[in-house]
Amino acid sequence: MKKRLAWSCLALALASSAPATAAPKTVTLAVPGMNCAACPITVKKALGKVPGVAKTDVNLDKREATVTFDDARTDVQALLRTAQDAGYSSTVVGSAK
């Protein structure tokens, strides 16, 4: 009986100490100021340095950046600020998924 209680307590302690995992989110940003071949590289590098960003795809033809990120570590506003700080104003296309 004591072993069962000890295992139950241990399992409860481990479960409650595990970090909560957030589902990855994806957002597409319109970046109308991208107008040369170097622009997507600059935007991708800047967004890729944001903590929590897992993937960034930048399309010069569409003038868009699609970013997959951990919403427990960053948010859309931080991504918009990062693009702005890199010299590119941006807006959200649709809503974050």
PDB file of N, CA and C in Angstrom:
ATOM      1  N   MET A   1       0.816  -1.180   0.000  1.00  0.00           N
ATOM      2  CA  MET A   1       0.000   0.000   0.000  1.00  0.00           C
ATOM      3  C   MET A   1       0.865   1.251   0.000  1.00  0.00           C
ATOM      4  N   LYS A   2       1.937   1.235   0.815  1.00  0.00           N
ATOM      5  CA  LYS A   2       2.807   2.399   0.879  1.00  0.00           C
ATOM      6  C   LYS A   2       3.538   2.620  -0.445  1.00  0.00           C
ATOM      7  N   LYS A   3       3.915   1.504  -1.114  1.00  0.00           N
ATOM      8  CA  LYS A   3       4.591   1.633  -2.408  1.00  0.00           C
ATOM      9  C   LYS A   3       3.660   2.272  -3.433  1.00  0.00           C
ATOM     10  N   ARG A   4       2.411   1.858  -3.444  1.00  0.00           N
ATOM     11  CA  ARG A   4       1.447   2.401  -4.392  1.00  0.00           C
ATOM     12  C   ARG A   4       1.265   3.897  -4.143  1.00  0.00           C
ATOM     13  N   LEU A   5       1.166   4.292  -2.898  1.00  0.00           N
ATOM     14  CA  LEU A   5       1.015   5.696  -2.541  1.00  0.00           C
ATOM     15  C   LEU A   5       2.267   6.482  -2.938  1.00  0.00           C
ATOM     16  N   ALA A   6       3.429   5.896  -2.726  1.00  0.00           N
ATOM     17  CA  ALA A   6       4.676   6.572  -3.092  1.00  0.00           C
ATOM     18  C   ALA A   6       4.765   6.770  -4.600  1.00  0.00           C
ATOM     19  N   TRP A   7       4.396   5.737  -5.366  1.00  0.00           N
ATOM     20  CA  TRP A   7       4.415   5.855  -6.831  1.00  0.00           C
ATOM     21  C   TRP A   7       3.396   6.881  -7.316  1.00  0.00           C
ATOM     22  N   SER A   8       2.265   6.909  -6.695  1.00  0.00           N
ATOM     23  CA  SER A   8       1.242   7.885  -7.076  1.00  0.00           C
ATOM     24  C   SER A   8       1.732   9.310  -6.816  1.00  0.00           C
ATOM     25  N   CYS A   9       2.362   9.505  -5.681  1.00  0.00           N
ATOM     26  CA  CYS A   9       2.896  10.832  -5.347  1.00  0.00           C
ATOM     27  C   CYS A   9       4.000  11.232  -6.330  1.00  0.00           C
ATOM     28  N   LEU A  10       4.854  10.268  -6.658  1.00  0.00           N
ATOM     29  CA  LEU A  10       5.938  10.543  -7.596  1.00  0.00           C
ATOM     30  C   LEU A  10       5.372  10.899  -8.971  1.00  0.00           C
ATOM     31  N   ALA A  11       4.400  10.147  -9.431  1.00  0.00           N
ATOM     32  CA  ALA A  11       3.791  10.419 -10.740  1.00  0.00           C
ATOM     33  C   ALA A  11       3.131  11.793 -10.756  1.00  0.00           C
ATOM     34  N   LEU A  12       2.446  12.136  -9.687  1.00  0.00           N
ATOM     35  CA  LEU A  12       1.801  13.442  -9.591  1.00  0.00           C
ATOM     36  C   LEU A  12       2.833  14.565  -9.592  1.00  0.00           C
ATOM     37  N   ALA A  13       3.916  14.380  -8.869  1.00  0.00           N
ATOM     38  CA  ALA A  13       4.970  15.392  -8.813  1.00  0.00           C
ATOM     39  C   ALA A  13       5.614  15.593 -10.173  1.00  0.00           C
ATOM     40  N   LEU A  14       5.875  14.506 -10.883  1.00  0.00           N
ATOM     41  CA  LEU A  14       6.482  14.611 -12.207  1.00  0.00           C
ATOM     42  C   LEU A  14       5.534  15.277 -13.199  1.00  0.00           C
ATOM     43  N   ALA A  15       4.281  14.929 -13.138  1.00  0.00           N
ATOM     44  CA  ALA A  15       3.298  15.508 -14.058  1.00  0.00           C
ATOM     45  C   ALA A  15       3.127  16.997 -13.817  1.00  0.00           C
ATOM     46  N   SER A  16       3.137  17.416 -12.575  1.00  0.00           N
ATOM     47  CA  SER A  16       2.921  18.825 -12.279  1.00  0.00           C
ATOM     48  C   SER A  16       4.172  19.662 -12.511  1.00  0.00           C
ATOM     49  N   SER A  17       5.356  19.033 -12.549  1.00  0.00           N
ATOM     50  CA  SER A  17       6.580  19.791 -12.762  1.00  0.00           C
ATOM     51  C   SER A  17       6.960  19.889 -14.233  1.00  0.00           C
ATOM     52  N   ALA A  18       6.308  19.120 -15.082  1.00  0.00           N
ATOM     53  CA  ALA A  18       6.614  19.166 -16.514  1.00  0.00           C
ATOM     54  C   ALA A  18       6.147  20.488 -17.093  1.00  0.00           C
ATOM     55  N   PRO A  19       6.953  21.089 -17.966  1.00  0.00           N
ATOM     56  CA  PRO A  19       6.552  22.360 -18.548  1.00  0.00           C
ATOM     57  C   PRO A  19       5.344  22.180 -19.462  1.00  0.00           C
ATOM     58  N   ALA A  20       4.475  23.172 -19.447  1.00  0.00           N
ATOM     59  CA  ALA A  20       3.317  23.138 -20.332  1.00  0.00           C
ATOM     60  C   ALA A  20       3.807  23.379 -21.749  1.00  0.00           C
ATOM     61  N   THR A  21       3.344  22.577 -22.673  1.00  0.00           N
ATOM     62  CA  THR A  21       3.762  22.755 -24.049  1.00  0.00           C
ATOM     63  C   THR A  21       2.671  23.491 -24.803  1.00  0.00           C
ATOM     64  N   ALA A  22       3.078  24.487 -25.526  1.00  0.00           N
ATOM     65  CA  ALA A  22       2.144  25.254 -26.331  1.00  0.00           C
ATOM     66  C   ALA A  22       2.163  24.692 -27.740  1.00  0.00           C
ATOM     67  N   ALA A  23       1.036  24.761 -28.367  1.00  0.00           N
ATOM     68  CA  ALA A  23       0.953  24.304 -29.744  1.00  0.00           C
ATOM     69  C   ALA A  23       1.640  25.331 -30.633  1.00  0.00           C
ATOM     70  N   PRO A  24       2.376  24.885 -31.632  1.00  0.00           N
ATOM     71  CA  PRO A  24       2.998  25.851 -32.537  1.00  0.00           C
ATOM     72  C   PRO A  24       1.922  26.611 -33.313  1.00  0.00           C
ATOM     73  N   LYS A  25       2.190  27.870 -33.558  1.00  0.00           N
ATOM     74  CA  LYS A  25       1.282  28.702 -34.335  1.00  0.00           C
ATOM     75  C   LYS A  25       2.005  29.165 -35.584  1.00  0.00           C
ATOM     76  N   THR A  26       1.219  29.462 -36.602  1.00  0.00           N
ATOM     77  CA  THR A  26       1.773  29.968 -37.844  1.00  0.00           C
ATOM     78  C   THR A  26       1.054  31.250 -38.207  1.00  0.00           C
ATOM     79  N   VAL A  27       1.821  32.244 -38.610  1.00  0.00           N
ATOM     80  CA  VAL A  27       1.257  33.519 -39.026  1.00  0.00           C
ATOM     81  C   VAL A  27       1.937  33.934 -40.330  1.00  0.00           C
ATOM     82  N   THR A  28       1.177  34.559 -41.194  1.00  0.00           N
ATOM     83  CA  THR A  28       1.734  35.111 -42.426  1.00  0.00           C
ATOM     84  C   THR A  28       1.731  36.624 -42.310  1.00  0.00           C
ATOM     85  N   LEU A  29       2.886  37.207 -42.557  1.00  0.00           N
ATOM     86  CA  LEU A  29       3.035  38.649 -42.498  1.00  0.00           C
ATOM     87  C   LEU A  29       3.190  39.205 -43.907  1.00  0.00           C
ATOM     88  N   ALA A  30       2.444  40.245 -44.209  1.00  0.00           N
ATOM     89  CA  ALA A  30       2.649  40.979 -45.453  1.00  0.00           C
ATOM     90  C   ALA A  30       3.810  41.929 -45.211  1.00  0.00           C
ATOM     91  N   VAL A  31       4.798  41.870 -46.098  1.00  0.00           N
ATOM     92  CA  VAL A  31       5.987  42.720 -45.961  1.00  0.00           C
ATOM     93  C   VAL A  31       6.171  43.452 -47.300  1.00  0.00           C
ATOM     94  N   PRO A  32       5.385  44.513 -47.509  1.00  0.00           N
ATOM     95  CA  PRO A  32       5.376  45.171 -48.820  1.00  0.00           C
ATOM     96  C   PRO A  32       6.673  45.869 -49.207  1.00  0.00           C
ATOM     97  N   GLY A  33       7.537  46.156 -48.246  1.00  0.00           N
ATOM     98  CA  GLY A  33       8.783  46.854 -48.540  1.00  0.00           C
ATOM     99  C   GLY A  33       9.880  45.994 -49.128  1.00  0.00           C
ATOM    100  N   MET A  34       9.656  44.691 -49.229  1.00  0.00           N
ATOM    101  CA  MET A  34      10.677  43.822 -49.822  1.00  0.00           C
ATOM    102  C   MET A  34      10.648  44.029 -51.338  1.00  0.00           C
ATOM    103  N   ASN A  35      11.775  44.479 -51.903  1.00  0.00           N
ATOM    104  CA  ASN A  35      11.763  44.747 -53.339  1.00  0.00           C
ATOM    105  C   ASN A  35      13.043  44.322 -54.056  1.00  0.00           C
ATOM    106  N   CYS A  36      13.923  43.602 -53.361  1.00  0.00           N
ATOM    107  CA  CYS A  36      15.131  43.108 -54.030  1.00  0.00           C
ATOM    108  C   CYS A  36      15.472  41.721 -53.477  1.00  0.00           C
ATOM    109  N   ALA A  37      16.436  41.079 -54.093  1.00  0.00           N
ATOM    110  CA  ALA A  37      16.793  39.711 -53.701  1.00  0.00           C
ATOM    111  C   ALA A  37      17.367  39.616 -52.291  1.00  0.00           C
ATOM    112  N   ALA A  38      17.941  40.713 -51.781  1.00  0.00           N
ATOM    113  CA  ALA A  38      18.526  40.693 -50.439  1.00  0.00           C
ATOM    114  C   ALA A  38      17.470  40.847 -49.347  1.00  0.00           C
ATOM    115  N   CYS A  39      16.342  41.439 -49.688  1.00  0.00           N
ATOM    116  CA  CYS A  39      15.311  41.709 -48.677  1.00  0.00           C
ATOM    117  C   CYS A  39      14.811  40.449 -47.963  1.00  0.00           C
ATOM    118  N   PRO A  40      14.431  39.389 -48.688  1.00  0.00           N
ATOM    119  CA  PRO A  40      13.955  38.192 -47.993  1.00  0.00           C
ATOM    120  C   PRO A  40      15.006  37.575 -47.074  1.00  0.00           C
ATOM    121  N   ILE A  41      16.259  37.688 -47.459  1.00  0.00           N
ATOM    122  CA  ILE A  41      17.333  37.151 -46.619  1.00  0.00           C
ATOM    123  C   ILE A  41      17.383  37.914 -45.307  1.00  0.00           C
ATOM    124  N   THR A  42      17.292  39.232 -45.391  1.00  0.00           N
ATOM    125  CA  THR A  42      17.325  40.076 -44.199  1.00  0.00           C
ATOM    126  C   THR A  42      16.143  39.790 -43.287  1.00  0.00           C
ATOM    127  N   VAL A  43      14.947  39.687 -43.871  1.00  0.00           N
ATOM    128  CA  VAL A  43      13.731  39.431 -43.090  1.00  0.00           C
ATOM    129  C   VAL A  43      13.809  38.054 -42.443  1.00  0.00           C
ATOM    130  N   LYS A  44      14.230  37.048 -43.208  1.00  0.00           N
ATOM    131  CA  LYS A  44      14.314  35.676 -42.675  1.00  0.00           C
ATOM    132  C   LYS A  44      15.316  35.591 -41.526  1.00  0.00           C
ATOM    133  N   LYS A  45      16.472  36.218 -41.675  1.00  0.00           N
ATOM    134  CA  LYS A  45      17.476  36.188 -40.610  1.00  0.00           C
ATOM    135  C   LYS A  45      16.953  36.865 -39.347  1.00  0.00           C
ATOM    136  N   ALA A  46      16.314  38.014 -39.518  1.00  0.00           N
ATOM    137  CA  ALA A  46      15.804  38.749 -38.356  1.00  0.00           C
ATOM    138  C   ALA A  46      14.744  37.944 -37.626  1.00  0.00           C
ATOM    139  N   LEU A  47      13.761  37.433 -38.358  1.00  0.00           N
ATOM    140  CA  LEU A  47      12.686  36.665 -37.723  1.00  0.00           C
ATOM    141  C   LEU A  47      13.200  35.363 -37.128  1.00  0.00           C
ATOM    142  N   GLY A  48      14.182  34.756 -37.757  1.00  0.00           N
ATOM    143  CA  GLY A  48      14.744  33.501 -37.258  1.00  0.00           C
ATOM    144  C   GLY A  48      15.471  33.638 -35.930  1.00  0.00           C
ATOM    145  N   LYS A  49      15.868  34.859 -35.574  1.00  0.00           N
ATOM    146  CA  LYS A  49      16.563  35.090 -34.311  1.00  0.00           C
ATOM    147  C   LYS A  49      15.613  35.292 -33.131  1.00  0.00           C
ATOM    148  N   VAL A  50      14.334  35.412 -33.406  1.00  0.00           N
ATOM    149  CA  VAL A  50      13.365  35.609 -32.324  1.00  0.00           C
ATOM    150  C   VAL A  50      13.227  34.300 -31.548  1.00  0.00           C
ATOM    151  N   PRO A  51      13.410  34.323 -30.226  1.00  0.00           N
ATOM    152  CA  PRO A  51      13.254  33.095 -29.439  1.00  0.00           C
ATOM    153  C   PRO A  51      11.854  32.505 -29.629  1.00  0.00           C
ATOM    154  N   GLY A  52      11.801  31.223 -29.926  1.00  0.00           N
ATOM    155  CA  GLY A  52      10.520  30.556 -30.124  1.00  0.00           C
ATOM    156  C   GLY A  52      10.144  30.360 -31.577  1.00  0.00           C
ATOM    157  N   VAL A  53      10.850  31.024 -32.494  1.00  0.00           N
ATOM    158  CA  VAL A  53      10.564  30.846 -33.923  1.00  0.00           C
ATOM    159  C   VAL A  53      11.185  29.532 -34.373  1.00  0.00           C
ATOM    160  N   ALA A  54      10.349  28.674 -34.957  1.00  0.00           N
ATOM    161  CA  ALA A  54      10.818  27.368 -35.410  1.00  0.00           C
ATOM    162  C   ALA A  54      11.131  27.353 -36.896  1.00  0.00           C
ATOM    163  N   LYS A  55      10.373  28.136 -37.672  1.00  0.00           N
ATOM    164  CA  LYS A  55      10.534  28.092 -39.126  1.00  0.00           C
ATOM    165  C   LYS A  55      10.080  29.418 -39.718  1.00  0.00           C
ATOM    166  N   THR A  56      10.804  29.871 -40.733  1.00  0.00           N
ATOM    167  CA  THR A  56      10.433  31.097 -41.439  1.00  0.00           C
ATOM    168  C   THR A  56      10.605  30.872 -42.932  1.00  0.00           C
ATOM    169  N   ASP A  57       9.534  31.109 -43.676  1.00  0.00           N
ATOM    170  CA  ASP A  57       9.584  31.052 -45.137  1.00  0.00           C
ATOM    171  C   ASP A  57       9.230  32.434 -45.657  1.00  0.00           C
ATOM    172  N   VAL A  58      10.094  32.974 -46.510  1.00  0.00           N
ATOM    173  CA  VAL A  58       9.867  34.310 -47.044  1.00  0.00           C
ATOM    174  C   VAL A  58       9.742  34.216 -48.555  1.00  0.00           C
ATOM    175  N   ASN A  59       8.700  34.859 -49.089  1.00  0.00           N
ATOM    176  CA  ASN A  59       8.429  34.830 -50.521  1.00  0.00           C
ATOM    177  C   ASN A  59       8.483  36.254 -51.057  1.00  0.00           C
ATOM    178  N   LEU A  60       9.497  36.540 -51.873  1.00  0.00           N
ATOM    179  CA  LEU A  60       9.667  37.878 -52.421  1.00  0.00           C
ATOM    180  C   LEU A  60       8.537  38.228 -53.386  1.00  0.00           C
ATOM    181  N   ASP A  61       8.132  37.278 -54.234  1.00  0.00           N
ATOM    182  CA  ASP A  61       7.078  37.559 -55.215  1.00  0.00           C
ATOM    183  C   ASP A  61       5.769  37.965 -54.551  1.00  0.00           C
ATOM    184  N   LYS A  62       5.417  37.272 -53.472  1.00  0.00           N
ATOM    185  CA  LYS A  62       4.181  37.587 -52.744  1.00  0.00           C
ATOM    186  C   LYS A  62       4.393  38.700 -51.718  1.00  0.00           C
ATOM    187  N   ARG A  63       5.668  38.984 -51.424  1.00  0.00           N
ATOM    188  CA  ARG A  63       6.042  39.951 -50.379  1.00  0.00           C
ATOM    189  C   ARG A  63       5.414  39.547 -49.036  1.00  0.00           C
ATOM    190  N   GLU A  64       5.658  38.273 -48.706  1.00  0.00           N
ATOM    191  CA  GLU A  64       5.119  37.698 -47.471  1.00  0.00           C
ATOM    192  C   GLU A  64       6.172  36.875 -46.739  1.00  0.00           C
ATOM    193  N   ALA A  65       6.000  36.807 -45.427  1.00  0.00           N
ATOM    194  CA  ALA A  65       6.826  35.939 -44.583  1.00  0.00           C
ATOM    195  C   ALA A  65       5.880  35.082 -43.756  1.00  0.00           C
ATOM    196  N   THR A  66       6.045  33.776 -43.824  1.00  0.00           N
ATOM    197  CA  THR A  66       5.244  32.853 -43.036  1.00  0.00           C
ATOM    198  C   THR A  66       6.126  32.317 -41.922  1.00  0.00           C
ATOM    199  N   VAL A  67       5.663  32.514 -40.687  1.00  0.00           N
ATOM    200  CA  VAL A  67       6.480  32.193 -39.516  1.00  0.00           C
ATOM    201  C   VAL A  67       5.742  31.195 -38.625  1.00  0.00           C
ATOM    202  N   THR A  68       6.416  30.113 -38.269  1.00  0.00           N
ATOM    203  CA  THR A  68       5.893  29.143 -37.308  1.00  0.00           C
ATOM    204  C   THR A  68       6.648  29.366 -36.008  1.00  0.00           C
ATOM    205  N   PHE A  69       5.900  29.513 -34.920  1.00  0.00           N
ATOM    206  CA  PHE A  69       6.518  29.878 -33.646  1.00  0.00           C
ATOM    207  C   PHE A  69       5.793  29.245 -32.472  1.00  0.00           C
ATOM    208  N   ASP A  70       6.486  29.199 -31.348  1.00  0.00           N
ATOM    209  CA  ASP A  70       5.945  28.691 -30.092  1.00  0.00           C
ATOM    210  C   ASP A  70       5.335  29.884 -29.364  1.00  0.00           C
ATOM    211  N   ASP A  71       4.019  29.884 -29.214  1.00  0.00           N
ATOM    212  CA  ASP A  71       3.355  31.050 -28.620  1.00  0.00           C
ATOM    213  C   ASP A  71       3.580  31.173 -27.114  1.00  0.00           C
ATOM    214  N   ALA A  72       4.259  30.200 -26.524  1.00  0.00           N
ATOM    215  CA  ALA A  72       4.644  30.335 -25.115  1.00  0.00           C
ATOM    216  C   ALA A  72       5.940  31.142 -24.993  1.00  0.00           C
ATOM    217  N   ARG A  73       6.659  31.291 -26.101  1.00  0.00           N
ATOM    218  CA  ARG A  73       7.945  31.988 -26.074  1.00  0.00           C
ATOM    219  C   ARG A  73       7.926  33.333 -26.788  1.00  0.00           C
ATOM    220  N   THR A  74       7.023  33.518 -27.731  1.00  0.00           N
ATOM    221  CA  THR A  74       6.932  34.781 -28.447  1.00  0.00           C
ATOM    222  C   THR A  74       5.506  34.981 -28.926  1.00  0.00           C
ATOM    223  N   ASP A  75       5.237  36.133 -29.522  1.00  0.00           N
ATOM    224  CA  ASP A  75       3.899  36.405 -30.033  1.00  0.00           C
ATOM    225  C   ASP A  75       3.997  37.188 -31.338  1.00  0.00           C
ATOM    226  N   VAL A  76       2.854  37.402 -31.955  1.00  0.00           N
ATOM    227  CA  VAL A  76       2.804  38.071 -33.249  1.00  0.00           C
ATOM    228  C   VAL A  76       3.358  39.486 -33.151  1.00  0.00           C
ATOM    229  N   GLN A  77       3.061  40.178 -32.062  1.00  0.00           N
ATOM    230  CA  GLN A  77       3.557  41.548 -31.908  1.00  0.00           C
ATOM    231  C   GLN A  77       5.086  41.588 -31.912  1.00  0.00           C
ATOM    232  N   ALA A  78       5.720  40.609 -31.305  1.00  0.00           N
ATOM    233  CA  ALA A  78       7.189  40.560 -31.305  1.00  0.00           C
ATOM    234  C   ALA A  78       7.717  40.332 -32.715  1.00  0.00           C
ATOM    235  N   LEU A  79       7.022  39.535 -33.494  1.00  0.00           N
ATOM    236  CA  LEU A  79       7.432  39.295 -34.879  1.00  0.00           C
ATOM    237  C   LEU A  79       7.299  40.568 -35.703  1.00  0.00           C
ATOM    238  N   LEU A  80       6.197  41.281 -35.521  1.00  0.00           N
ATOM    239  CA  LEU A  80       5.997  42.542 -36.234  1.00  0.00           C
ATOM    240  C   LEU A  80       7.072  43.563 -35.855  1.00  0.00           C
ATOM    241  N   ARG A  81       7.386  43.646 -34.561  1.00  0.00           N
ATOM    242  CA  ARG A  81       8.432  44.566 -34.097  1.00  0.00           C
ATOM    243  C   ARG A  81       9.791  44.203 -34.690  1.00  0.00           C
ATOM    244  N   THR A  82      10.066  42.908 -34.766  1.00  0.00           N
ATOM    245  CA  THR A  82      11.345  42.449 -35.301  1.00  0.00           C
ATOM    246  C   THR A  82      11.478  42.828 -36.767  1.00  0.00           C
ATOM    247  N   ALA A  83      10.424  42.628 -37.537  1.00  0.00           N
ATOM    248  CA  ALA A  83      10.455  43.029 -38.950  1.00  0.00           C
ATOM    249  C   ALA A  83      10.673  44.538 -39.059  1.00  0.00           C
ATOM    250  N   GLN A  84       9.976  45.290 -38.221  1.00  0.00           N
ATOM    251  CA  GLN A  84      10.124  46.748 -38.222  1.00  0.00           C
ATOM    252  C   GLN A  84      11.560  47.149 -37.870  1.00  0.00           C
ATOM    253  N   ASP A  85      12.116  46.515 -36.862  1.00  0.00           N
ATOM    254  CA  ASP A  85      13.489  46.809 -36.451  1.00  0.00           C
ATOM    255  C   ASP A  85      14.506  46.478 -37.553  1.00  0.00           C
ATOM    256  N   ALA A  86      14.152  45.517 -38.416  1.00  0.00           N
ATOM    257  CA  ALA A  86      15.029  45.149 -39.530  1.00  0.00           C
ATOM    258  C   ALA A  86      14.833  46.090 -40.723  1.00  0.00           C
ATOM    259  N   GLY A  87      13.868  47.009 -40.589  1.00  0.00           N
ATOM    260  CA  GLY A  87      13.642  47.996 -41.648  1.00  0.00           C
ATOM    261  C   GLY A  87      12.460  47.710 -42.539  1.00  0.00           C
ATOM    262  N   TYR A  88      11.609  46.767 -42.144  1.00  0.00           N
ATOM    263  CA  TYR A  88      10.474  46.368 -42.975  1.00  0.00           C
ATOM    264  C   TYR A  88       9.183  46.411 -42.177  1.00  0.00           C
ATOM    265  N   SER A  89       8.306  47.333 -42.529  1.00  0.00           N
ATOM    266  CA  SER A  89       7.010  47.337 -41.863  1.00  0.00           C
ATOM    267  C   SER A  89       6.233  46.118 -42.355  1.00  0.00           C
ATOM    268  N   SER A  90       5.384  45.595 -41.486  1.00  0.00           N
ATOM    269  CA  SER A  90       4.619  44.401 -41.860  1.00  0.00           C
ATOM    270  C   SER A  90       3.272  44.419 -41.158  1.00  0.00           C
ATOM    271  N   THR A  91       2.352  43.657 -41.702  1.00  0.00           N
ATOM    272  CA  THR A  91       1.031  43.477 -41.119  1.00  0.00           C
ATOM    273  C   THR A  91       0.663  42.006 -41.205  1.00  0.00           C
ATOM    274  N   VAL A  92      -0.260  41.601 -40.380  1.00  0.00           N
ATOM    275  CA  VAL A  92      -0.711  40.210 -40.365  1.00  0.00           C
ATOM    276  C   VAL A  92      -1.700  39.993 -41.507  1.00  0.00           C
ATOM    277  N   VAL A  93      -1.491  38.897 -42.240  1.00  0.00           N
ATOM    278  CA  VAL A  93      -2.414  38.477 -43.299  1.00  0.00           C
ATOM    279  C   VAL A  93      -3.344  37.457 -42.669  1.00  0.00           C
ATOM    280  N   GLY A  94      -4.629  37.707 -42.608  1.00  0.00           N
ATOM    281  CA  GLY A  94      -5.550  36.768 -41.968  1.00  0.00           C
ATOM    282  C   GLY A  94      -5.312  36.750 -40.474  1.00  0.00           C
ATOM    283  N   SER A  95      -5.390  35.557 -39.865  1.00  0.00           N
ATOM    284  CA  SER A  95      -5.152  35.425 -38.434  1.00  0.00           C
ATOM    285  C   SER A  95      -4.172  34.298 -38.162  1.00  0.00           C
ATOM    286  N   ALA A  96      -3.542  34.356 -37.015  1.00  0.00           N
ATOM    287  CA  ALA A  96      -2.572  33.311 -36.643  1.00  0.00           C
ATOM    288  C   ALA A  96      -3.285  31.991 -36.456  1.00  0.00           C
ATOM    289  N   LYS A  97      -2.668  30.903 -36.938  1.00  0.00           N
ATOM    290  CA  LYS A  97      -3.270  29.561 -36.821  1.00  0.00           C
ATOM    291  C   LYS A  97      -2.547  28.766 -35.765  1.00  0.00           C
TER     292      LYS A  97
END
